[in-house]
C-alpha atoms as a PDB file:
ATOM      1  CA  MET A   1       2.881   2.966 -17.109  1.00  0.00           C
ATOM      2  CA  ASN A   2       2.475   5.423 -14.248  1.00  0.00           C
ATOM      3  CA  LEU A   3       4.008   5.384 -10.768  1.00  0.00           C
ATOM      4  CA  GLY A   4       0.887   3.947  -9.127  1.00  0.00           C
ATOM      5  CA  GLU A   5       0.774   1.015 -11.519  1.00  0.00           C
ATOM      6  CA  LYS A   6       4.459   0.335 -10.891  1.00  0.00           C
ATOM      7  CA  ILE A   7       3.955   0.398  -7.111  1.00  0.00           C
ATOM      8  CA  LYS A   8       1.086  -2.062  -7.511  1.00  0.00           C
ATOM      9  CA  ILE A   9       3.178  -4.414  -9.656  1.00  0.00           C
ATOM     10  CA  ALA A  10       6.116  -4.202  -7.231  1.00  0.00           C
ATOM     11  CA  ARG A  11       3.788  -4.912  -4.293  1.00  0.00           C
ATOM     12  CA  LYS A  12       2.170  -7.881  -5.998  1.00  0.00           C
ATOM     13  CA  ASN A  13       5.529  -9.257  -7.174  1.00  0.00           C
ATOM     14  CA  ALA A  14       6.666  -9.130  -3.548  1.00  0.00           C
ATOM     15  CA  GLY A  15       3.534 -11.034  -2.500  1.00  0.00           C
ATOM     16  CA  LEU A  16       2.281  -8.184  -0.324  1.00  0.00           C
ATOM     17  CA  THR A  17      -1.256  -6.989   0.261  1.00  0.00           C
ATOM     18  CA  GLN A  18      -2.020  -3.283   0.339  1.00  0.00           C
ATOM     19  CA  LYS A  19      -2.531  -3.638   4.080  1.00  0.00           C
ATOM     20  CA  LYS A  20       0.895  -5.271   4.612  1.00  0.00           C
ATOM     21  CA  LEU A  21       2.694  -2.676   2.455  1.00  0.00           C
ATOM     22  CA  GLY A  22       0.840   0.007   4.398  1.00  0.00           C
ATOM     23  CA  GLU A  23       2.111  -1.471   7.656  1.00  0.00           C
ATOM     24  CA  TYR A  24       5.690  -1.381   6.405  1.00  0.00           C
ATOM     25  CA  CYS A  25       5.223   2.240   5.283  1.00  0.00           C
ATOM     26  CA  HIS A  26       3.333   3.250   8.456  1.00  0.00           C
ATOM     27  CA  VAL A  27       0.230   4.266   6.479  1.00  0.00           C
ATOM     28  CA  LYS A  28      -3.286   2.881   6.119  1.00  0.00           C
ATOM     29  CA  ASP A  29      -4.028   0.418   3.348  1.00  0.00           C
ATOM     30  CA  ASN A  30      -6.361   2.948   1.697  1.00  0.00           C
ATOM     31  CA  THR A  31      -3.328   5.233   1.348  1.00  0.00           C
ATOM     32  CA  VAL A  32      -1.579   2.460  -0.601  1.00  0.00           C
ATOM     33  CA  SER A  33      -4.727   2.181  -2.724  1.00  0.00           C
ATOM     34  CA  ASP A  34      -4.569   5.943  -3.374  1.00  0.00           C
ATOM     35  CA  TRP A  35      -0.944   5.605  -4.534  1.00  0.00           C
ATOM     36  CA  GLU A  36      -1.790   2.711  -6.805  1.00  0.00           C
ATOM     37  CA  ASN A  37      -4.726   4.627  -8.290  1.00  0.00           C
ATOM     38  CA  ASN A  38      -2.642   7.799  -8.698  1.00  0.00           C
ATOM     39  CA  LYS A  39      -4.794   9.782  -6.308  1.00  0.00           C
ATOM     40  CA  SER A  40      -1.683  10.638  -4.284  1.00  0.00           C
ATOM     41  CA  LYS A  41       2.024   9.890  -4.295  1.00  0.00           C
ATOM     42  CA  PRO A  42       4.304   8.604  -1.545  1.00  0.00           C
ATOM     43  CA  ASP A  43       7.057  10.884  -0.311  1.00  0.00           C
ATOM     44  CA  ALA A  44      10.731  10.138  -0.955  1.00  0.00           C
ATOM     45  CA  GLU A  45      11.271   8.370   2.369  1.00  0.00           C
ATOM     46  CA  THR A  46       8.265   6.138   1.726  1.00  0.00           C
ATOM     47  CA  ILE A  47       9.501   5.369  -1.788  1.00  0.00           C
ATOM     48  CA  GLU A  48      12.709   4.114  -0.174  1.00  0.00           C
ATOM     49  CA  ILE A  49      10.683   1.838   2.113  1.00  0.00           C
ATOM     50  CA  ILE A  50       8.573   0.566  -0.799  1.00  0.00           C
ATOM     51  CA  CYS A  51      11.700  -0.189  -2.797  1.00  0.00           C
ATOM     52  CA  HIS A  52      13.325  -1.934   0.136  1.00  0.00           C
ATOM     53  CA  VAL A  53      10.394  -4.182   1.071  1.00  0.00           C
ATOM     54  CA  THR A  54       9.524  -5.023  -2.548  1.00  0.00           C
ATOM     55  CA  GLU A  55      13.188  -5.345  -3.580  1.00  0.00           C
ATOM     56  CA  THR A  56      12.575  -2.867  -6.410  1.00  0.00           C
ATOM     57  CA  ASP A  57      15.147  -0.460  -7.797  1.00  0.00           C
ATOM     58  CA  PRO A  58      13.808   3.107  -7.416  1.00  0.00           C
ATOM     59  CA  ASN A  59      14.922   3.811 -10.973  1.00  0.00           C
ATOM     60  CA  THR A  60      12.399   1.210 -12.132  1.00  0.00           C
ATOM     61  CA  LEU A  61       9.566   3.067 -10.421  1.00  0.00           C
ATOM     62  CA  PHE A  62      10.551   6.335 -12.079  1.00  0.00           C
ATOM     63  CA  ASP A  63      11.627   5.012 -15.521  1.00  0.00           C
ATOM     64  CA  TYR A  64      14.965   6.598 -14.866  1.00  0.00           C
ATOM     65  CA  HIS A  65      17.819   4.632 -16.350  1.00  0.00           C
ATOM     66  CA  HIS A  66      21.288   5.264 -17.666  1.00  0.00           C
ATOM     67  CA  GLU A  67      20.031   4.574 -21.187  1.00  0.00           C
ATOM     68  CA  HIS A  68      17.951   7.767 -21.138  1.00  0.00           C
ATOM     69  CA  ILE A  69      21.014   9.850 -20.432  1.00  0.00           C
ATOM     70  CA  LEU A  70      23.209   7.976 -22.878  1.00  0.00           C
ATOM     71  CA  ASN A  71      20.586   8.291 -25.610  1.00  0.00           C
ATOM     72  CA  HIS A  72      20.476  12.026 -24.998  1.00  0.00           C
ATOM     73  CA  LEU A  73      24.256  12.237 -25.215  1.00  0.00           C
ATOM     74  CA  GLU A  74      24.149  10.438 -28.571  1.00  0.00           C
ATOM     75  CA  GLU A  75      21.912  13.224 -29.859  1.00  0.00           C
ATOM     76  CA  ILE A  76      24.645  15.779 -29.290  1.00  0.00           C
ATOM     77  CA  LYS A  77      26.475  16.398 -32.510  1.00  0.00           C
ATOM     78  CA  LYS A  78      29.958  14.927 -32.658  1.00  0.00           C
ATOM     79  CA  ASP A  79      31.455  18.274 -33.705  1.00  0.00           C
ATOM     80  CA  GLN A  80      30.115  19.787 -30.468  1.00  0.00           C
ATOM     81  CA  LEU A  81      32.017  17.195 -28.463  1.00  0.00           C
ATOM     82  CA  GLU A  82      35.204  17.925 -30.389  1.00  0.00           C
ATOM     83  CA  ASP A  83      34.993  21.611 -29.587  1.00  0.00           C
ATOM     84  CA  LEU A  84      35.510  22.263 -25.886  1.00  0.00           C
ATOM     85  CA  SER A  85      33.861  25.671 -26.097  1.00  0.00           C
ATOM     86  CA  ALA A  86      30.759  23.984 -27.542  1.00  0.00           C
ATOM     87  CA  LEU A  87      30.792  21.585 -24.595  1.00  0.00           C
ATOM     88  CA  ASP A  88      31.047  24.536 -22.230  1.00  0.00           C
ATOM     89  CA  ASN A  89      28.121  26.065 -24.109  1.00  0.00           C
ATOM     90  CA  ILE A  90      26.049  22.914 -23.556  1.00  0.00           C
ATOM     91  CA  LEU A  91      26.772  23.024 -19.837  1.00  0.00           C
ATOM     92  CA  TYR A  92      25.937  26.727 -19.667  1.00  0.00           C
ATOM     93  CA  THR A  93      22.700  26.457 -21.658  1.00  0.00           C
ATOM     94  CA  ASN A  94      21.593  23.534 -19.511  1.00  0.00           C
ATOM     95  CA  LYS A  95      22.327  25.269 -16.216  1.00  0.00           C
ATOM     96  CA  ASP A  96      18.666  24.998 -15.180  1.00  0.00           C
ATOM     97  CA  LYS A  97      18.772  21.230 -15.673  1.00  0.00           C
ATOM     98  CA  ILE A  98      21.977  20.986 -13.666  1.00  0.00           C
ATOM     99  CA  ASP A  99      20.382  22.998 -10.854  1.00  0.00           C
ATOM    100  CA  PHE A 100      17.327  20.717 -11.067  1.00  0.00           C
ATOM    101  CA  ILE A 101      19.572  17.642 -10.781  1.00  0.00           C
ATOM    102  CA  ARG A 102      21.207  19.071  -7.668  1.00  0.00           C
ATOM    103  CA  ASN A 103      17.768  19.169  -6.030  1.00  0.00           C
ATOM    104  CA  LEU A 104      16.842  15.577  -6.907  1.00  0.00           C
ATOM    105  CA  PRO A 105      16.925  12.839  -4.294  1.00  0.00           C
ATOM    106  CA  VAL A 106      20.396  11.422  -3.732  1.00  0.00           C
ATOM    107  CA  ASN A 107      19.574   8.106  -5.421  1.00  0.00           C
ATOM    108  CA  LYS A 108      18.641   9.910  -8.665  1.00  0.00           C
ATOM    109  CA  GLN A 109      21.739  12.109  -8.443  1.00  0.00           C
ATOM    110  CA  LYS A 110      23.821   8.937  -8.163  1.00  0.00           C
ATOM    111  CA  VAL A 111      22.295   7.539 -11.370  1.00  0.00           C
ATOM    112  CA  ILE A 112      23.137  10.724 -13.249  1.00  0.00           C
ATOM    113  CA  ALA A 113      26.606  10.907 -11.719  1.00  0.00           C
ATOM    114  CA  ASN A 114      27.271   7.306 -12.750  1.00  0.00           C
ATOM    115  CA  ALA A 115      26.173   8.040 -16.314  1.00  0.00           C
ATOM    116  CA  ILE A 116      28.453  11.067 -16.493  1.00  0.00           C
ATOM    117  CA  LYS A 117      31.291   9.021 -15.009  1.00  0.00           C
ATOM    118  CA  SER A 118      30.707   6.377 -17.710  1.00  0.00           C
ATOM    119  CA  VAL A 119      31.114   9.026 -20.395  1.00  0.00           C
ATOM    120  CA  LEU A 120      34.254  10.380 -18.753  1.00  0.00           C
ATOM    121  CA  ASP A 121      35.634   6.843 -18.475  1.00  0.00           C
ATOM    122  CA  MET A 122      35.041   6.440 -22.223  1.00  0.00           C
ATOM    123  CA  VAL A 123      37.105   9.558 -22.820  1.00  0.00           C
ATOM    124  CA  ASP A 124      39.924   8.096 -20.719  1.00  0.00           C
ATOM    125  CA  GLU A 125      39.749   4.704 -22.449  1.00  0.00           C
ATOM    126  CA  ASN A 126      39.596   6.004 -26.009  1.00  0.00           C
ATOM    127  CA  ASN A 127      41.740   9.095 -25.539  1.00  0.00           C
ATOM    128  CA  PHE A 128      39.801  10.464 -28.528  1.00  0.00           C
ATOM    129  CA  ASN A 129      42.945  10.412 -30.718  1.00  0.00           C
END
Protein backbone atom coordinates (compact mmCIF):
# COMPACT_ATOMS: atom_id res chain seq x y z
CA MET A 1 0.00 0.00 0.00
CA ASN A 2 1.41 3.39 -0.97
CA LEU A 3 1.45 6.65 0.98
CA GLY A 4 -1.55 8.09 -0.87
CA GLU A 5 -3.70 5.08 -0.07
CA LYS A 6 -2.68 5.30 3.58
CA ILE A 7 -3.56 9.00 3.74
CA LYS A 8 -6.95 8.21 2.23
CA ILE A 9 -7.61 5.43 4.75
CA ALA A 10 -6.51 7.65 7.65
CA ARG A 11 -8.75 10.47 6.40
CA LYS A 12 -11.76 8.21 6.00
CA ASN A 13 -11.16 6.53 9.37
CA ALA A 14 -11.19 10.00 10.92
CA GLY A 15 -14.49 10.76 9.17
CA LEU A 16 -13.01 13.63 7.17
CA THR A 17 -13.73 14.70 3.62
CA GLN A 18 -10.90 15.71 1.33
CA LYS A 19 -12.13 19.29 1.66
CA LYS A 20 -12.04 19.20 5.49
CA LEU A 21 -8.56 17.61 5.57
CA GLY A 22 -7.46 20.26 3.08
CA GLU A 23 -8.75 22.98 5.39
CA TYR A 24 -6.77 21.56 8.30
CA CYS A 25 -3.65 21.37 6.11
CA HIS A 26 -4.24 24.81 4.52
CA VAL A 27 -4.44 23.33 1.01
CA LYS A 28 -7.22 22.87 -1.55
CA ASP A 29 -9.19 19.64 -1.57
CA ASN A 30 -7.78 18.80 -5.02
CA THR A 31 -4.33 18.81 -3.41
CA VAL A 32 -5.55 16.15 -0.97
CA SER A 33 -6.87 14.23 -3.98
CA ASP A 34 -3.42 14.49 -5.60
CA TRP A 35 -1.81 13.06 -2.45
CA GLU A 36 -4.29 10.22 -2.30
CA ASN A 37 -3.73 9.42 -5.98
CA ASN A 38 0.06 9.65 -5.61
CA LYS A 39 0.33 12.58 -7.98
CA SER A 40 2.15 14.55 -5.28
CA LYS A 41 3.24 14.13 -1.68
CA PRO A 42 2.68 16.34 1.36
CA ASP A 43 5.71 17.91 2.98
CA ALA A 44 6.90 16.88 6.45
CA GLU A 45 5.01 19.64 8.25
CA THR A 46 1.80 18.67 6.48
CA ILE A 47 2.36 15.00 7.33
CA GLU A 48 2.47 16.06 10.98
CA ILE A 49 -0.86 17.86 10.57
CA ILE A 50 -2.42 14.87 8.79
CA CYS A 51 -1.24 12.56 11.55
CA HIS A 52 -2.53 14.88 14.24
CA VAL A 53 -6.02 15.43 12.80
CA THR A 54 -6.48 11.78 11.80
CA GLU A 55 -4.86 10.47 15.00
CA THR A 56 -2.49 8.36 12.90
CA ASP A 57 1.05 7.43 13.88
CA PRO A 58 3.44 8.74 11.19
CA ASN A 59 5.22 5.39 11.27
CA THR A 60 2.01 3.80 10.00
CA LEU A 61 1.98 6.08 6.96
CA PHE A 62 5.57 5.20 6.12
CA ASP A 63 5.56 1.48 7.08
CA TYR A 64 8.37 2.28 9.43
CA HIS A 65 8.27 0.20 12.57
CA HIS A 66 10.68 -1.15 15.13
CA GLU A 67 10.14 -4.64 13.74
CA HIS A 68 11.93 -3.70 10.51
CA ILE A 69 15.03 -2.71 12.41
CA LEU A 70 14.88 -5.67 14.77
CA ASN A 71 14.43 -8.07 11.86
CA HIS A 72 17.50 -6.58 10.22
CA LEU A 73 19.49 -6.98 13.42
CA GLU A 74 18.49 -10.65 13.56
CA GLU A 75 20.10 -11.09 10.15
CA ILE A 76 23.48 -10.10 11.53
CA LYS A 77 25.46 -13.19 12.34
CA LYS A 78 25.84 -13.90 16.03
CA ASP A 79 29.63 -14.21 15.70
CA GLN A 80 29.72 -10.63 14.39
CA LEU A 81 27.99 -9.42 17.55
CA GLU A 82 30.47 -11.31 19.72
CA ASP A 83 33.41 -9.64 18.04
CA LEU A 84 33.53 -5.93 18.82
CA SER A 85 35.75 -5.22 15.83
CA ALA A 86 33.11 -6.83 13.60
CA LEU A 87 30.51 -4.55 15.17
CA ASP A 88 32.75 -1.56 14.49
CA ASN A 89 33.05 -2.83 10.92
CA ILE A 90 29.25 -2.92 10.58
CA LEU A 91 29.00 0.66 11.78
CA TYR A 92 31.79 1.76 9.44
CA THR A 93 30.41 -0.03 6.38
CA ASN A 94 26.97 1.42 7.04
CA LYS A 95 28.21 4.99 7.47
CA ASP A 96 26.07 6.15 4.54
CA LYS A 97 22.95 4.77 6.21
CA ILE A 98 23.87 6.45 9.48
CA ASP A 99 24.35 9.76 7.65
CA PHE A 100 20.99 9.20 5.92
CA ILE A 101 19.32 8.60 9.31
CA ARG A 102 20.75 11.85 10.64
CA ASN A 103 18.93 13.68 7.83
CA LEU A 104 15.55 12.03 8.45
CA PRO A 105 12.74 13.90 10.17
CA VAL A 106 13.03 13.89 13.95
CA ASN A 107 10.09 11.51 14.40
CA LYS A 108 11.81 8.85 12.25
CA GLN A 109 15.12 9.40 14.05
CA LYS A 110 13.30 8.78 17.33
CA VAL A 111 11.96 5.44 16.06
CA ILE A 112 15.46 4.33 15.09
CA ALA A 113 16.95 5.63 18.33
CA ASN A 114 14.34 3.73 20.33
CA ALA A 115 15.11 0.52 18.44
CA ILE A 116 18.83 0.93 19.09
CA LYS A 117 18.11 1.70 22.74
CA SER A 118 16.05 -1.51 22.94
CA VAL A 119 19.02 -3.50 21.69
CA LEU A 120 21.36 -1.79 24.14
CA ASP A 121 18.89 -2.45 26.96
CA MET A 122 18.95 -6.14 25.99
CA VAL A 123 22.73 -6.10 26.34
CA ASP A 124 22.39 -4.59 29.82
CA GLU A 125 19.69 -7.07 30.87
CA ASN A 126 21.40 -10.20 29.57
CA ASN A 127 24.99 -9.14 30.18
CA PHE A 128 25.82 -11.59 27.37
CA ASN A 129 27.64 -13.92 29.80
